[in-house]
Amino acid sequence: MSRHTTATAVFTGLALTCALTGCGAQEGGGAASSASAGAGASVAPAAENSRLGQVLRDRKIQVCTTGDYRPYTYKDPKTVQWSGIDVDMARSLGKSLGAEVEFVQTSWADVVADMDRSCDIAVGGISYTTDRAQKAAFSDTTSPDGKTPIVRCGEEDKYATVAVINKPSVRVITPVGGTNQKFAEKNFPDAKVTAYKDNNTIFDQITQGKADVMVTDASETRWVAHTHPELCSVHPDKPFDHFDKGYLLPQGDTVWEEYVDNWLDIASQDGTKAAAEEKWYG
């Protein structure tokens, strides 16, 4: 996708954003005025056939997310309420457009197809992969990350490397359908790997002694260690690999991509993103 690699792309994206949100239309513009400007914005000609134009016309944005990956996305099974860093960010995106946000629950195995079929954007701690990039576009990076273990406290040294985890005696647990499962299947062929369907209760399997280790994103292990005192993250500052997270968008819609990237840049600088993260990391 285009990542503002040329001055023309930057100018075009900013000009479009200003045309849609009325940059400088109010004294002391900034985040507060631009957040509500979408409600009165007209659709610019360049946006007519874009998801941007559709969202502005319908005053609704459909957001695909799994609801099972805290701290990014969570749907409470009892209250049916959504929460998470990227849930708050999606609401901020909707506010910038004057649009109601409708969350559409998906799964890790189906997130790309469901986004393309039913949504305008997919959020929730989604890692950049070449497989996903073949079928969808990515926003600019929301956070860097990497795979690292989460284990029972006191056992960090037992599972500190890929080599010590990849043994027949080690019980690895991994959620179904995402990058964690791919990492486990590739790196732990000799270990006992169990694919577990409920990502909301997967960490209970470790605390209850039914599994030994899960290798997942360092950002998730930090949240787990913060909320589950019996579990500890293993070297989250030095993960096994590195990748970035972002939001999934429809391929080929550069107008929509540029709007999302410009909104994300503003939200990353005006405290919106920091406030969403502080709720979960403390």
Protein backbone atom coordinates (compact mmCIF):
# COMPACT_ATOMS: atom_id res chain seq x y z
CA MET A 1 0.00 0.00 0.00
CA SER A 2 1.03 3.64 -0.28
CA ARG A 3 2.64 4.92 2.92
CA HIS A 4 2.99 8.58 1.95
CA THR A 5 6.21 7.79 0.10
CA THR A 6 6.08 10.83 -2.14
CA ALA A 7 5.37 14.48 -1.53
CA THR A 8 2.45 14.24 -3.93
CA ALA A 9 0.84 11.46 -1.92
CA VAL A 10 1.27 13.42 1.28
CA PHE A 11 -0.19 16.57 -0.24
CA THR A 12 -3.10 14.69 -1.76
CA GLY A 13 -3.94 12.93 1.50
CA LEU A 14 -3.77 16.10 3.57
CA ALA A 15 -5.73 18.09 1.00
CA LEU A 16 -8.45 15.45 0.98
CA THR A 17 -8.59 15.38 4.75
CA CYS A 18 -8.92 19.15 4.89
CA ALA A 19 -11.63 19.07 2.24
CA LEU A 20 -13.62 16.57 4.27
CA THR A 21 -13.06 17.91 7.79
CA GLY A 22 -12.79 21.62 7.11
CA CYS A 23 -9.21 22.21 8.30
CA GLY A 24 -8.88 25.71 9.71
CA ALA A 25 -12.63 26.35 9.46
CA GLN A 26 -12.90 26.98 13.19
CA GLU A 27 -10.69 29.11 15.37
CA GLY A 28 -8.39 26.84 17.40
CA GLY A 29 -9.18 23.92 15.04
CA GLY A 30 -7.06 20.95 16.13
CA ALA A 31 -8.33 17.64 17.39
CA ALA A 32 -11.49 18.85 19.09
CA SER A 33 -12.92 20.60 16.04
CA SER A 34 -11.79 17.98 13.52
CA ALA A 35 -13.30 15.20 15.63
CA SER A 36 -16.80 16.54 15.08
CA ALA A 37 -16.31 18.08 11.66
CA GLY A 38 -17.35 14.92 9.83
CA ALA A 39 -20.94 15.39 10.90
CA GLY A 40 -21.34 18.38 8.58
CA ALA A 41 -18.90 17.41 5.85
CA SER A 42 -19.91 17.00 2.23
CA VAL A 43 -18.45 14.25 0.10
CA ALA A 44 -15.56 15.44 -2.06
CA PRO A 45 -15.54 14.19 -5.68
CA ALA A 46 -12.42 12.09 -5.05
CA ALA A 47 -14.22 10.24 -2.27
CA GLU A 48 -17.45 9.48 -4.14
CA ASN A 49 -16.55 5.87 -4.96
CA SER A 50 -14.46 5.27 -1.83
CA ARG A 51 -15.41 3.70 1.48
CA LEU A 52 -14.82 7.21 2.81
CA GLY A 53 -17.64 8.57 0.72
CA GLN A 54 -19.92 5.71 1.71
CA VAL A 55 -19.24 6.22 5.43
CA LEU A 56 -19.87 9.96 5.13
CA ARG A 57 -23.13 9.37 3.28
CA ASP A 58 -24.42 6.59 5.54
CA ARG A 59 -23.10 8.10 8.79
CA LYS A 60 -22.11 4.56 9.78
CA ILE A 61 -18.82 2.70 9.87
CA GLN A 62 -18.69 -1.08 10.21
CA VAL A 63 -15.69 -2.38 12.13
CA CYS A 64 -14.69 -6.05 12.07
CA THR A 65 -12.92 -7.33 15.20
CA THR A 66 -12.55 -10.67 16.98
CA GLY A 67 -13.47 -9.56 20.49
CA ASP A 68 -11.12 -12.11 22.06
CA TYR A 69 -7.74 -10.42 22.11
CA ARG A 70 -7.20 -8.15 25.07
CA PRO A 71 -5.85 -5.51 25.46
CA TYR A 72 -6.90 -4.65 21.90
CA THR A 73 -10.42 -6.03 21.53
CA TYR A 74 -12.84 -7.73 23.90
CA LYS A 75 -16.54 -8.53 23.81
CA ASP A 76 -17.82 -9.37 27.28
CA PRO A 77 -19.92 -12.55 26.96
CA LYS A 78 -22.20 -11.46 29.81
CA THR A 79 -22.79 -7.79 29.06
CA VAL A 80 -22.10 -8.04 25.29
CA GLN A 81 -20.17 -4.77 25.64
CA TRP A 82 -17.06 -4.03 23.60
CA SER A 83 -13.83 -2.71 25.09
CA GLY A 84 -10.13 -2.54 24.23
CA ILE A 85 -7.47 -0.20 22.89
CA ASP A 86 -8.54 -0.64 19.27
CA VAL A 87 -12.23 -0.53 20.19
CA ASP A 88 -11.66 2.94 21.63
CA MET A 89 -9.62 3.88 18.58
CA ALA A 90 -12.40 2.71 16.24
CA ARG A 91 -14.84 4.90 18.14
CA SER A 92 -12.44 7.82 17.71
CA LEU A 93 -12.32 7.13 13.97
CA GLY A 94 -16.10 7.09 13.83
CA LYS A 95 -16.29 10.36 15.77
CA SER A 96 -13.90 12.02 13.32
CA LEU A 97 -16.36 11.14 10.55
CA GLY A 98 -19.56 11.91 12.43
CA ALA A 99 -20.44 8.23 11.97
CA GLU A 100 -22.01 5.62 14.22
CA VAL A 101 -19.67 2.69 14.86
CA GLU A 102 -21.05 -0.81 14.39
CA PHE A 103 -18.81 -3.65 15.56
CA VAL A 104 -18.99 -6.91 13.61
CA GLN A 105 -17.55 -9.92 15.40
CA THR A 106 -15.24 -12.12 13.37
CA SER A 107 -12.58 -14.77 13.98
CA TRP A 108 -8.86 -14.80 13.32
CA ALA A 109 -9.30 -17.33 10.55
CA ASP A 110 -11.95 -15.20 8.82
CA VAL A 111 -10.93 -11.62 9.64
CA VAL A 112 -9.65 -10.76 6.15
CA ALA A 113 -12.63 -12.27 4.31
CA ASP A 114 -15.14 -10.76 6.73
CA MET A 115 -13.56 -7.32 6.48
CA ASP A 116 -13.70 -7.44 2.70
CA ARG A 117 -17.28 -8.70 2.70
CA SER A 118 -18.91 -6.88 5.61
CA CYS A 119 -16.75 -4.08 7.03
CA ASP A 120 -14.95 -0.86 6.24
CA ILE A 121 -11.99 -1.64 8.49
CA ALA A 122 -10.78 -4.43 10.77
CA VAL A 123 -9.04 -3.71 14.09
CA GLY A 124 -7.85 -5.54 17.17
CA GLY A 125 -4.09 -6.10 17.38
CA ILE A 126 -3.78 -7.37 13.81
CA SER A 127 -0.22 -8.24 12.81
CA TYR A 128 1.23 -7.47 9.40
CA THR A 129 1.74 -10.69 7.45
CA THR A 130 2.42 -11.31 3.79
CA ASP A 131 -0.59 -13.64 3.62
CA ARG A 132 -2.90 -10.87 4.80
CA ALA A 133 -1.17 -8.28 2.63
CA GLN A 134 -2.02 -10.34 -0.46
CA LYS A 135 -5.72 -9.87 0.25
CA ALA A 136 -6.02 -6.60 2.15
CA ALA A 137 -4.24 -3.30 2.73
CA PHE A 138 -2.76 -2.23 6.05
CA SER A 139 -2.88 1.13 7.74
CA ASP A 140 0.27 2.75 9.04
CA THR A 141 1.76 0.98 12.06
CA THR A 142 -0.14 1.23 15.32
CA SER A 143 2.50 -0.56 17.45
CA PRO A 144 5.66 -2.69 17.10
CA ASP A 145 5.53 -6.16 18.61
CA GLY A 146 7.03 -9.67 18.65
CA LYS A 147 6.35 -13.18 19.92
CA THR A 148 7.35 -14.05 23.47
CA PRO A 149 6.29 -16.64 26.09
CA ILE A 150 3.78 -16.31 28.92
CA VAL A 151 4.20 -18.89 31.72
CA ARG A 152 3.50 -19.55 35.38
CA CYS A 153 5.58 -17.21 37.52
CA GLY A 154 8.77 -18.87 38.70
CA GLU A 155 9.14 -20.88 35.50
CA GLU A 156 10.46 -18.14 33.25
CA ASP A 157 13.91 -19.70 32.89
CA LYS A 158 12.40 -23.03 31.84
CA TYR A 159 10.81 -21.53 28.71
CA ALA A 160 13.12 -18.68 27.75
CA THR A 161 14.17 -19.93 24.29
CA VAL A 162 12.59 -21.61 21.30
CA ALA A 163 14.93 -24.58 21.77
CA VAL A 164 13.86 -25.34 25.35
CA ILE A 165 10.19 -25.00 24.45
CA ASN A 166 10.54 -27.30 21.46
CA LYS A 167 10.72 -30.53 23.47
CA PRO A 168 8.27 -33.45 23.66
CA SER A 169 7.72 -32.86 27.38
CA VAL A 170 6.52 -29.27 26.89
CA ARG A 171 2.80 -28.55 26.47
CA VAL A 172 2.33 -25.54 24.23
CA ILE A 173 -1.11 -24.02 23.89
CA THR A 174 -2.08 -21.66 21.08
CA PRO A 175 -5.29 -20.05 19.80
CA VAL A 176 -6.75 -21.25 16.51
CA GLY A 177 -6.32 -19.45 13.22
CA GLY A 178 -3.90 -16.61 13.86
CA THR A 179 -0.20 -15.85 13.81
CA ASN A 180 0.32 -17.54 17.20
CA GLN A 181 -0.73 -20.90 15.78
CA LYS A 182 1.51 -20.45 12.75
CA PHE A 183 4.46 -19.57 14.99
CA ALA A 184 3.86 -22.59 17.22
CA GLU A 185 3.51 -25.04 14.34
CA LYS A 186 6.66 -23.71 12.66
CA ASN A 187 8.90 -23.45 15.72
CA PHE A 188 7.71 -26.22 18.04
CA PRO A 189 7.37 -29.37 15.90
CA ASP A 190 8.67 -31.59 18.72
CA ALA A 191 6.55 -30.10 21.51
CA LYS A 192 2.97 -31.07 22.27
CA VAL A 193 1.03 -28.24 20.63
CA THR A 194 -2.67 -27.86 21.40
CA ALA A 195 -4.84 -25.51 19.33
CA TYR A 196 -7.41 -24.01 21.70
CA LYS A 197 -10.60 -22.41 20.42
CA ASP A 198 -11.48 -19.96 23.22
CA ASN A 199 -8.95 -17.14 23.38
CA ASN A 200 -10.76 -15.60 26.35
CA THR A 201 -10.03 -18.59 28.61
CA ILE A 202 -6.77 -19.79 27.10
CA PHE A 203 -4.58 -18.41 29.88
CA ASP A 204 -6.60 -20.36 32.45
CA GLN A 205 -5.20 -23.51 30.89
CA ILE A 206 -1.72 -22.43 32.00
CA THR A 207 -2.71 -21.37 35.51
CA GLN A 208 -4.64 -24.63 35.99
CA GLY A 209 -1.62 -26.70 34.95
CA LYS A 210 -3.22 -28.01 31.75
CA ALA A 211 -0.56 -26.31 29.60
CA ASP A 212 2.95 -25.03 30.23
CA VAL A 213 3.45 -22.11 27.91
CA MET A 214 1.84 -19.92 25.30
CA VAL A 215 3.88 -17.86 22.87
CA THR A 216 2.00 -14.76 21.85
CA ASP A 217 2.51 -11.06 21.19
CA ALA A 218 4.61 -9.27 23.81
CA SER A 219 1.90 -6.61 24.14
CA GLU A 220 -0.60 -9.27 25.14
CA THR A 221 1.80 -10.87 27.64
CA ARG A 222 2.29 -7.48 29.32
CA TRP A 223 -1.46 -7.13 29.77
CA VAL A 224 -1.78 -10.72 31.02
CA ALA A 225 1.02 -10.24 33.56
CA HIS A 226 -0.64 -6.98 34.66
CA THR A 227 -4.01 -8.63 35.29
CA HIS A 228 -3.03 -12.22 36.19
CA PRO A 229 -0.46 -12.09 39.02
CA GLU A 230 0.19 -15.84 38.78
CA LEU A 231 1.45 -15.50 35.20
CA CYS A 232 4.67 -13.84 34.04
CA SER A 233 5.86 -12.57 30.69
CA VAL A 234 9.25 -13.88 29.54
CA HIS A 235 11.59 -11.14 28.20
CA PRO A 236 8.84 -9.04 26.53
CA ASP A 237 11.46 -6.41 25.64
CA LYS A 238 13.45 -9.00 23.68
CA PRO A 239 10.88 -11.12 21.80
CA PHE A 240 11.74 -14.00 19.49
CA ASP A 241 10.91 -11.96 16.39
CA HIS A 242 9.61 -8.57 15.31
CA PHE A 243 6.54 -7.39 13.43
CA ASP A 244 4.16 -4.46 13.37
CA LYS A 245 0.46 -4.18 14.05
CA GLY A 246 -2.04 -2.11 12.14
CA TYR A 247 -5.59 -1.98 10.83
CA LEU A 248 -6.86 -3.93 7.83
CA LEU A 249 -8.44 -1.99 4.99
CA PRO A 250 -9.88 -2.89 1.58
CA GLN A 251 -7.25 -3.18 -1.15
CA GLY A 252 -7.10 -0.48 -3.79
CA ASP A 253 -9.00 2.22 -1.90
CA THR A 254 -6.22 4.77 -1.46
CA VAL A 255 -8.63 7.57 -0.55
CA TRP A 256 -9.87 5.59 2.45
CA GLU A 257 -6.33 4.50 3.36
CA GLU A 258 -5.09 8.08 3.37
CA TYR A 259 -7.95 9.25 5.56
CA VAL A 260 -7.37 6.47 8.10
CA ASP A 261 -3.60 7.10 8.15
CA ASN A 262 -4.05 10.83 8.64
CA TRP A 263 -6.59 10.28 11.43
CA LEU A 264 -4.22 7.76 13.06
CA ASP A 265 -1.36 10.25 12.94
CA ILE A 266 -3.49 12.89 14.66
CA ALA A 267 -4.78 10.43 17.28
CA SER A 268 -1.22 9.30 18.02
CA GLN A 269 -0.13 12.87 18.73
CA ASP A 270 -3.11 14.43 20.50
CA GLY A 271 -3.32 11.91 23.37
CA THR A 272 -6.20 9.80 22.02
CA LYS A 273 -4.10 6.66 21.50
CA ALA A 274 -2.17 7.13 24.76
CA ALA A 275 -5.43 7.40 26.71
CA ALA A 276 -6.77 4.21 25.12
CA GLU A 277 -3.59 2.31 26.05
CA GLU A 278 -3.35 3.65 29.61
CA LYS A 279 -6.60 1.90 30.58
CA TRP A 280 -5.00 -1.49 29.93
CA TYR A 281 -1.34 -1.12 30.74
CA GLY A 282 -1.65 1.21 33.71
